[in-house]
């Protein structure tokens, strides 16, 4: 059998029926009756428990992981708020997708941790201990889907890695909602969770290539972070962080909005040895503005680090996505992809590209790697992928994981 992969999707507004339809479609495309892993992504307008019930009624007790999404991605393009098909743009809100994998060479183990908001480090340690118990299986990759509204990725990563004896690459995306920043959901086997992280340890004979790209254009000069604590950025160049950030926005903008943060972002300078294969800066989108003028980030930034403002241009972002796909294709060589996982920032979807998101954000990649590969993904509140062997959390970025 080797490895069989299939993807199904549904735009049915009945959550139970949507789950059944997507799961049946995935198994049919894979040509199997049973599978070894289920990945599920669904928009938050669905009844999350009913979606999961529908999927599980088809896939049984196969290990399952995934999360809620601002929109989902398949071979046909993205879907969610504005639902895409190959024919173009169709307005709607409900969308979900399922990927199933059946393999006699790859083994999958689902795991989860809780309490990200209270203590992301402790939650990471909880997960790391579970992974350490799998060391005899020799995990090769960790797919992870944490709550994008409560995770401090720096602390979460540190907690996991403190428990591991050997390095392990992380790849995935942070769960999102409909840009209301209200509540996201994580799926773990039979459970629908929040404030948690659902993960998959991928073990056995598996080959993969991971790549990331943001396409943002640096503007201005490097500046110094003069005060930061945990994942709160207080001052840049001795100015309140929001006051500094606001200088680059239109004069009439008085508070941080999704639209404002979707165009102007912070770029944190990377060490030279890592920047050589990626870019000089890793992108940070502020998640919130506090009354004291500080900005809330999904990851930590150290006092003394160098930052630079960046601007996102749709053409440059689309070109960067295409170049990423070309780089991955070269690295693949003669290896044939079995599946592609795409984790794309919610602020890069319809917020950036509007009705051209399929052509500029999806086709730019699929035209290079191929439209006949089982392909699944979602629009995230943060992308997770390594650079130069070190695990990083990203924003305003696309992360691709191609499994061979």
Protein backbone atom coordinates (compact mmCIF):
# COMPACT_ATOMS: atom_id res chain seq x y z
CA UNK A 1 0.00 0.00 0.00
CA UNK A 2 2.81 2.43 0.88
CA UNK A 3 1.06 5.77 1.60
CA UNK A 4 -2.39 6.74 0.29
CA UNK A 5 -3.75 10.26 0.79
CA UNK A 6 -7.13 11.79 0.02
CA UNK A 7 -8.86 15.14 0.55
CA UNK A 8 -12.56 15.90 0.83
CA UNK A 9 -14.37 19.17 1.36
CA UNK A 10 -17.86 20.47 1.99
CA UNK A 11 -19.64 23.80 1.86
CA UNK A 12 -22.87 22.39 3.31
CA UNK A 13 -24.17 24.62 6.11
CA UNK A 14 -25.45 21.58 8.02
CA UNK A 15 -22.42 20.81 10.18
CA UNK A 16 -23.11 17.09 10.61
CA UNK A 17 -23.72 16.56 6.89
CA UNK A 18 -20.63 18.61 6.04
CA UNK A 19 -18.46 16.40 8.23
CA UNK A 20 -19.83 13.24 6.67
CA UNK A 21 -19.48 14.57 3.12
CA UNK A 22 -15.90 15.75 3.55
CA UNK A 23 -14.75 12.56 5.27
CA UNK A 24 -16.40 10.32 2.67
CA UNK A 25 -14.80 12.35 -0.11
CA UNK A 26 -11.37 12.05 1.47
CA UNK A 27 -11.57 8.27 1.86
CA UNK A 28 -12.86 7.91 -1.69
CA UNK A 29 -10.01 9.96 -3.14
CA UNK A 30 -7.47 7.94 -1.15
CA UNK A 31 -9.11 4.71 -2.31
CA UNK A 32 -9.26 3.26 1.21
CA UNK A 33 -11.98 2.30 3.69
CA UNK A 34 -9.88 2.96 6.79
CA UNK A 35 -7.11 5.46 7.50
CA UNK A 36 -4.31 6.04 9.98
CA UNK A 37 -4.70 9.83 10.40
CA UNK A 38 -7.41 12.43 9.89
CA UNK A 39 -6.64 16.15 9.58
CA UNK A 40 -9.70 18.40 9.95
CA UNK A 41 -10.06 22.16 9.40
CA UNK A 42 -13.41 23.99 9.58
CA UNK A 43 -14.67 27.56 9.77
CA UNK A 44 -16.06 28.72 13.12
CA UNK A 45 -19.61 29.36 11.90
CA UNK A 46 -20.04 25.57 12.01
CA UNK A 47 -21.25 23.73 15.09
CA UNK A 48 -17.82 22.36 15.93
CA UNK A 49 -19.03 19.30 17.84
CA UNK A 50 -21.40 18.31 15.03
CA UNK A 51 -18.65 18.64 12.42
CA UNK A 52 -16.44 16.33 14.44
CA UNK A 53 -19.33 13.92 14.99
CA UNK A 54 -19.91 13.75 11.24
CA UNK A 55 -16.26 13.09 10.45
CA UNK A 56 -15.87 10.44 13.16
CA UNK A 57 -19.01 8.63 11.96
CA UNK A 58 -17.09 7.94 8.74
CA UNK A 59 -13.45 7.60 9.86
CA UNK A 60 -14.12 5.76 13.13
CA UNK A 61 -11.48 5.94 15.83
CA UNK A 62 -8.56 6.86 13.55
CA UNK A 63 -6.26 9.43 15.20
CA UNK A 64 -7.61 12.92 14.43
CA UNK A 65 -6.14 16.40 14.74
CA UNK A 66 -6.80 19.88 13.41
CA UNK A 67 -8.45 23.15 14.33
CA UNK A 68 -10.86 25.92 13.41
CA UNK A 69 -9.96 28.28 10.59
CA UNK A 70 -10.70 31.66 9.08
CA UNK A 71 -10.82 29.78 5.78
CA UNK A 72 -9.68 26.42 4.42
CA UNK A 73 -7.48 25.51 1.46
CA UNK A 74 -7.73 22.53 -0.91
CA UNK A 75 -6.72 21.71 -4.49
CA UNK A 76 -9.62 23.86 -5.64
CA UNK A 77 -8.37 26.91 -3.75
CA UNK A 78 -9.39 28.59 -0.50
CA UNK A 79 -12.83 28.52 1.04
CA UNK A 80 -14.40 30.24 4.00
CA UNK A 81 -16.11 33.64 4.38
CA UNK A 82 -15.82 33.97 0.61
CA UNK A 83 -15.87 30.43 -0.74
CA UNK A 84 -13.73 29.66 -3.78
CA UNK A 85 -14.16 26.98 -6.40
CA UNK A 86 -12.25 26.36 -9.61
CA UNK A 87 -14.91 28.43 -11.37
CA UNK A 88 -14.21 31.52 -9.31
CA UNK A 89 -15.71 33.34 -6.33
CA UNK A 90 -18.90 32.13 -4.68
CA UNK A 91 -20.17 33.97 -1.61
CA UNK A 92 -20.79 31.86 1.45
CA UNK A 93 -19.43 31.29 4.91
CA UNK A 94 -19.39 27.61 5.84
CA UNK A 95 -16.43 25.53 4.70
CA UNK A 96 -14.50 22.55 5.94
CA UNK A 97 -11.94 20.09 4.63
CA UNK A 98 -10.60 16.69 5.64
CA UNK A 99 -7.36 14.95 4.69
CA UNK A 100 -6.93 11.24 5.40
CA UNK A 101 -3.64 9.34 5.30
CA UNK A 102 -3.26 5.56 5.25
CA UNK A 103 0.25 4.15 5.33
CA UNK A 104 2.22 1.01 6.09
CA UNK A 105 5.47 2.99 6.38
CA UNK A 106 4.44 6.10 8.36
CA UNK A 107 3.00 6.06 11.88
CA UNK A 108 0.94 8.85 13.44
CA UNK A 109 0.38 9.61 17.13
CA UNK A 110 -1.98 12.38 18.23
CA UNK A 111 -1.41 14.25 21.49
CA UNK A 112 -2.54 17.48 23.11
CA UNK A 113 -1.86 19.89 25.96
CA UNK A 114 -4.03 22.42 27.78
CA UNK A 115 -3.92 25.77 29.58
CA UNK A 116 -1.93 27.80 27.06
CA UNK A 117 -3.16 31.17 28.33
CA UNK A 118 -2.33 30.55 31.96
CA UNK A 119 1.11 29.08 31.29
CA UNK A 120 2.28 28.30 27.75
CA UNK A 121 5.61 27.01 29.06
CA UNK A 122 3.95 24.48 31.34
CA UNK A 123 1.59 23.45 28.54
CA UNK A 124 4.61 22.87 26.30
CA UNK A 125 6.28 20.77 28.99
CA UNK A 126 3.10 18.68 29.25
CA UNK A 127 3.26 18.03 25.52
CA UNK A 128 7.02 17.45 25.54
CA UNK A 129 6.67 14.70 28.15
CA UNK A 130 4.13 12.91 25.96
CA UNK A 131 6.47 13.18 22.98
CA UNK A 132 9.39 11.88 25.01
CA UNK A 133 7.35 8.76 25.74
CA UNK A 134 7.30 8.16 21.98
CA UNK A 135 11.08 8.21 21.57
CA UNK A 136 11.17 4.51 20.67
CA UNK A 137 9.02 5.44 17.66
CA UNK A 138 11.62 8.07 16.67
CA UNK A 139 9.35 11.05 15.78
CA UNK A 140 10.52 12.81 12.61
CA UNK A 141 8.09 15.74 12.55
CA UNK A 142 5.55 17.40 14.84
CA UNK A 143 2.45 18.89 13.26
CA UNK A 144 0.89 21.32 15.71
CA UNK A 145 -2.32 23.36 15.91
CA UNK A 146 -2.35 25.58 19.03
CA UNK A 147 -4.97 28.14 20.03
CA UNK A 148 -3.91 31.29 18.19
CA UNK A 149 -5.54 33.58 20.75
CA UNK A 150 -3.84 32.26 23.87
CA UNK A 151 -0.48 30.73 22.95
CA UNK A 152 2.88 32.37 23.69
CA UNK A 153 4.81 30.40 21.10
CA UNK A 154 8.25 31.23 22.52
CA UNK A 155 7.33 29.81 25.91
CA UNK A 156 5.39 26.90 24.37
CA UNK A 157 8.33 25.88 22.17
CA UNK A 158 10.74 26.18 25.11
CA UNK A 159 8.56 23.93 27.23
CA UNK A 160 8.41 21.23 24.57
CA UNK A 161 12.09 21.33 23.69
CA UNK A 162 13.15 21.20 27.35
CA UNK A 163 11.66 17.69 27.54
CA UNK A 164 13.11 16.32 24.29
CA UNK A 165 16.43 14.54 24.02
CA UNK A 166 16.76 15.13 20.28
CA UNK A 167 15.75 18.08 18.05
CA UNK A 168 12.33 17.79 16.40
CA UNK A 169 11.04 20.08 13.62
CA UNK A 170 7.67 21.76 14.27
CA UNK A 171 5.28 22.68 11.46
CA UNK A 172 1.66 23.81 11.47
CA UNK A 173 -0.61 26.74 12.12
CA UNK A 174 -2.35 28.47 15.01
CA UNK A 175 -6.12 28.01 15.13
CA UNK A 176 -8.13 31.02 13.94
CA UNK A 177 -11.71 32.27 13.84
CA UNK A 178 -13.47 34.73 11.52
CA UNK A 179 -11.11 37.60 12.41
CA UNK A 180 -13.31 38.44 15.40
CA UNK A 181 -10.56 37.25 17.80
CA UNK A 182 -13.23 35.71 20.02
CA UNK A 183 -12.62 31.96 20.34
CA UNK A 184 -10.78 29.30 18.36
CA UNK A 185 -11.13 25.52 18.55
CA UNK A 186 -8.74 22.58 18.46
CA UNK A 187 -9.71 19.02 17.47
CA UNK A 188 -8.14 16.07 19.27
CA UNK A 189 -9.58 12.65 18.45
CA UNK A 190 -13.17 12.87 19.82
CA UNK A 191 -12.76 16.22 21.59
CA UNK A 192 -13.34 19.85 20.64
CA UNK A 193 -11.08 22.04 22.80
CA UNK A 194 -10.07 25.68 23.27
CA UNK A 195 -6.98 27.19 24.90
CA UNK A 196 -5.17 23.98 23.91
CA UNK A 197 -2.78 22.58 21.34
CA UNK A 198 -3.58 19.53 19.24
CA UNK A 199 -0.55 17.85 17.67
CA UNK A 200 0.53 14.89 15.55
CA UNK A 201 3.87 13.14 15.97
CA UNK A 202 4.83 11.76 12.54
CA UNK A 203 7.09 8.72 12.83
CA UNK A 204 8.56 6.00 10.67
CA UNK A 205 9.77 6.09 7.08
CA UNK A 206 8.68 9.61 6.11
CA UNK A 207 10.43 12.13 3.92
CA UNK A 208 9.38 15.79 3.78
CA UNK A 209 10.43 19.29 2.77
CA UNK A 210 9.37 22.41 4.71
CA UNK A 211 9.63 25.98 3.43
CA UNK A 212 8.46 29.43 4.51
CA UNK A 213 8.17 32.82 2.81
CA UNK A 214 6.62 36.17 3.68
CA UNK A 215 7.25 38.55 0.76
CA UNK A 216 7.23 41.68 2.96
CA UNK A 217 9.29 44.71 1.96
CA UNK A 218 11.47 46.33 4.68
CA UNK A 219 11.07 50.11 5.01
CA UNK A 220 13.04 52.64 7.04
CA UNK A 221 15.99 51.65 9.23
CA UNK A 222 16.62 49.11 11.97
CA UNK A 223 15.36 50.24 15.37
CA UNK A 224 16.02 48.91 18.86
CA UNK A 225 13.45 47.33 21.18
CA UNK A 226 14.05 49.23 24.41
CA UNK A 227 11.53 47.37 26.56
CA UNK A 228 9.80 44.02 26.15
CA UNK A 229 8.52 41.44 28.61
CA UNK A 230 7.34 37.99 27.59
CA UNK A 231 5.02 38.49 24.59
CA UNK A 232 4.28 42.16 25.28
CA UNK A 233 6.24 44.81 23.39
CA UNK A 234 6.39 48.03 25.43
CA UNK A 235 8.89 50.37 23.78
CA UNK A 236 10.81 50.83 20.53
CA UNK A 237 13.50 53.54 20.58
CA UNK A 238 12.15 54.60 24.02
CA UNK A 239 8.72 55.34 22.55
CA UNK A 240 5.56 53.43 23.43
CA UNK A 241 5.35 50.61 20.89
CA UNK A 242 1.92 51.67 19.60
CA UNK A 243 3.09 55.28 19.19
CA UNK A 244 6.08 54.08 17.17
CA UNK A 245 3.96 51.68 15.08
CA UNK A 246 1.31 54.34 14.40
CA UNK A 247 3.85 56.60 12.67
CA UNK A 248 3.68 54.28 9.67
CA UNK A 249 -0.13 54.30 9.39
CA UNK A 250 -2.60 56.84 8.00
CA UNK A 251 -2.99 59.87 10.27
CA UNK A 252 -6.66 59.16 11.03
CA UNK A 253 -5.98 55.68 12.45
CA UNK A 254 -6.21 55.90 16.24
CA UNK A 255 -6.31 52.22 17.18
CA UNK A 256 -4.90 48.97 15.90
CA UNK A 257 -7.24 47.24 13.46
CA UNK A 258 -7.05 44.07 11.38
CA UNK A 259 -6.78 46.21 8.24
CA UNK A 260 -3.96 48.34 9.65
CA UNK A 261 -1.94 45.37 10.92
CA UNK A 262 -2.59 43.63 7.62
CA UNK A 263 -0.49 46.13 5.67
CA UNK A 264 2.25 47.28 8.06
CA UNK A 265 4.12 44.70 10.16
CA UNK A 266 7.17 44.48 12.38
CA UNK A 267 10.20 42.63 11.10
CA UNK A 268 12.54 41.12 13.71
CA UNK A 269 16.11 40.73 12.49
CA UNK A 270 17.37 37.15 12.34
CA UNK A 271 20.90 35.98 13.15
CA UNK A 272 23.04 36.05 10.01
CA UNK A 273 23.48 32.26 9.85
CA UNK A 274 19.71 31.78 9.67
CA UNK A 275 18.95 34.82 7.52
CA UNK A 276 21.18 33.47 4.74
CA UNK A 277 18.68 30.80 3.74
CA UNK A 278 15.49 32.75 4.50
CA UNK A 279 15.42 36.53 4.79
CA UNK A 280 16.88 39.19 7.06
CA UNK A 281 13.64 39.56 9.01
CA UNK A 282 10.96 37.34 10.49
CA UNK A 283 7.54 38.99 10.50
CA UNK A 284 5.55 39.90 13.62
CA UNK A 285 1.94 41.14 13.41
CA UNK A 286 0.66 42.78 16.64
CA UNK A 287 -2.42 40.94 17.89
CA UNK A 288 -3.66 43.70 20.14
CA UNK A 289 -3.09 47.18 21.51
CA UNK A 290 -3.08 47.82 25.26
CA UNK A 291 -4.09 50.97 27.14
CA UNK A 292 -0.51 51.59 28.24
CA UNK A 293 0.65 51.81 24.61
CA UNK A 294 2.18 48.34 24.49
CA UNK A 295 1.48 45.78 21.76
CA UNK A 296 0.58 42.14 22.29
CA UNK A 297 2.46 39.59 20.17
CA UNK A 298 1.98 35.85 19.73
CA UNK A 299 5.65 35.29 20.57
CA UNK A 300 8.30 36.90 22.73
CA UNK A 301 10.72 39.62 21.67
CA UNK A 302 13.82 40.43 23.70
CA UNK A 303 14.82 43.90 24.90
CA UNK A 304 17.73 45.00 22.74
CA UNK A 305 16.64 43.11 19.63
CA UNK A 306 16.55 44.90 16.28
CA UNK A 307 13.32 45.49 14.41
CA UNK A 308 12.35 47.16 11.18
CA UNK A 309 8.97 48.11 9.83
CA UNK A 310 7.82 46.18 6.77
CA UNK A 311 5.09 46.70 4.20
CA UNK A 312 3.16 44.01 2.40
CA UNK A 313 2.62 44.31 -1.33
CA UNK A 314 0.29 41.75 -3.00
CA UNK A 315 2.51 41.33 -6.07
CA UNK A 316 5.62 40.80 -3.97
CA UNK A 317 3.81 38.35 -1.67
CA UNK A 318 2.52 36.36 -4.66
CA UNK A 319 5.97 36.31 -6.25
CA UNK A 320 7.51 35.16 -2.97
CA UNK A 321 5.01 32.28 -2.75
CA UNK A 322 5.89 31.20 -6.29
CA UNK A 323 9.62 31.38 -5.55
CA UNK A 324 9.09 29.29 -2.42
CA UNK A 325 7.32 26.61 -4.46
CA UNK A 326 10.13 26.63 -7.03
CA UNK A 327 12.73 26.26 -4.28
CA UNK A 328 10.85 23.31 -2.77
CA UNK A 329 10.50 21.69 -6.19
CA UNK A 330 14.25 21.91 -6.74
CA UNK A 331 14.89 20.40 -3.33
CA UNK A 332 12.45 17.56 -4.03
CA UNK A 333 14.35 16.54 -7.13
CA UNK A 334 12.96 13.19 -8.35
CA UNK A 335 10.90 12.61 -5.20
CA UNK A 336 7.16 12.63 -5.82
CA UNK A 337 4.98 14.45 -3.26
CA UNK A 338 2.26 12.42 -1.57
CA UNK A 339 0.61 15.42 0.11
CA UNK A 340 0.98 19.15 0.66
CA UNK A 341 0.02 20.97 3.86
CA UNK A 342 -0.32 24.74 3.51
CA UNK A 343 -0.51 27.09 6.49
CA UNK A 344 -1.15 30.67 5.38
CA UNK A 345 -1.66 33.78 7.49
CA UNK A 346 -5.28 34.94 7.75
CA UNK A 347 -4.07 38.45 6.93
CA UNK A 348 -2.65 37.15 3.62
CA UNK A 349 -5.96 35.74 2.38
CA UNK A 350 -8.92 37.84 1.31
CA UNK A 351 -7.69 40.68 3.54
CA UNK A 352 -4.67 41.16 1.26
CA UNK A 353 -5.70 39.77 -2.14
CA UNK A 354 -9.48 40.26 -2.13
CA UNK A 355 -11.18 38.38 -5.00
CA UNK A 356 -7.78 37.51 -6.52
CA UNK A 357 -6.68 35.39 -3.55
CA UNK A 358 -7.02 32.12 -5.49
CA UNK A 359 -4.92 33.27 -8.43
CA UNK A 360 -2.27 35.14 -6.43
CA UNK A 361 -2.15 33.20 -3.19
CA UNK A 362 -2.95 29.60 -4.18
CA UNK A 363 -2.40 29.13 -7.91
CA UNK A 364 1.03 30.76 -7.62
CA UNK A 365 2.08 27.72 -5.55
CA UNK A 366 -0.03 24.96 -7.07
CA UNK A 367 0.97 25.85 -10.63
CA UNK A 368 4.56 25.00 -9.66
CA UNK A 369 4.12 21.97 -7.40
CA UNK A 370 1.10 20.52 -9.20
CA UNK A 371 -2.69 20.60 -8.88
CA UNK A 372 -3.03 16.80 -8.80
CA UNK A 373 -1.45 16.40 -5.33
CA UNK A 374 -3.71 15.89 -2.28
CA UNK A 375 -3.55 19.38 -0.78
CA UNK A 376 -5.02 20.77 2.42
CA UNK A 377 -4.50 23.76 4.67
CA UNK A 378 -6.07 26.75 6.34
CA UNK A 379 -5.73 30.46 7.10
CA UNK A 380 -4.06 30.80 10.48
CA UNK A 381 -3.34 33.19 13.35
CA UNK A 382 0.33 32.22 13.11
CA UNK A 383 2.47 29.86 11.05
CA UNK A 384 4.90 27.37 12.61
CA UNK A 385 7.98 26.20 10.71
CA UNK A 386 11.74 25.90 11.22
CA UNK A 387 14.46 28.05 9.68
CA UNK A 388 18.02 26.75 9.61
CA UNK A 389 17.12 23.87 11.90
CA UNK A 390 15.59 26.13 14.58
CA UNK A 391 11.84 26.16 15.23
CA UNK A 392 10.21 29.56 14.71
CA UNK A 393 6.74 31.06 14.94
CA UNK A 394 5.77 33.37 12.07
CA UNK A 395 3.03 35.76 11.04
CA UNK A 396 2.14 37.22 7.61
CA UNK A 397 3.83 34.14 6.17
CA UNK A 398 3.05 30.99 4.21
CA UNK A 399 4.49 27.70 5.43
CA UNK A 400 4.45 24.62 3.20
CA UNK A 401 5.10 21.04 4.28
CA UNK A 402 5.46 18.64 1.36
CA UNK A 403 5.32 14.98 2.40
CA UNK A 404 6.94 12.41 0.10
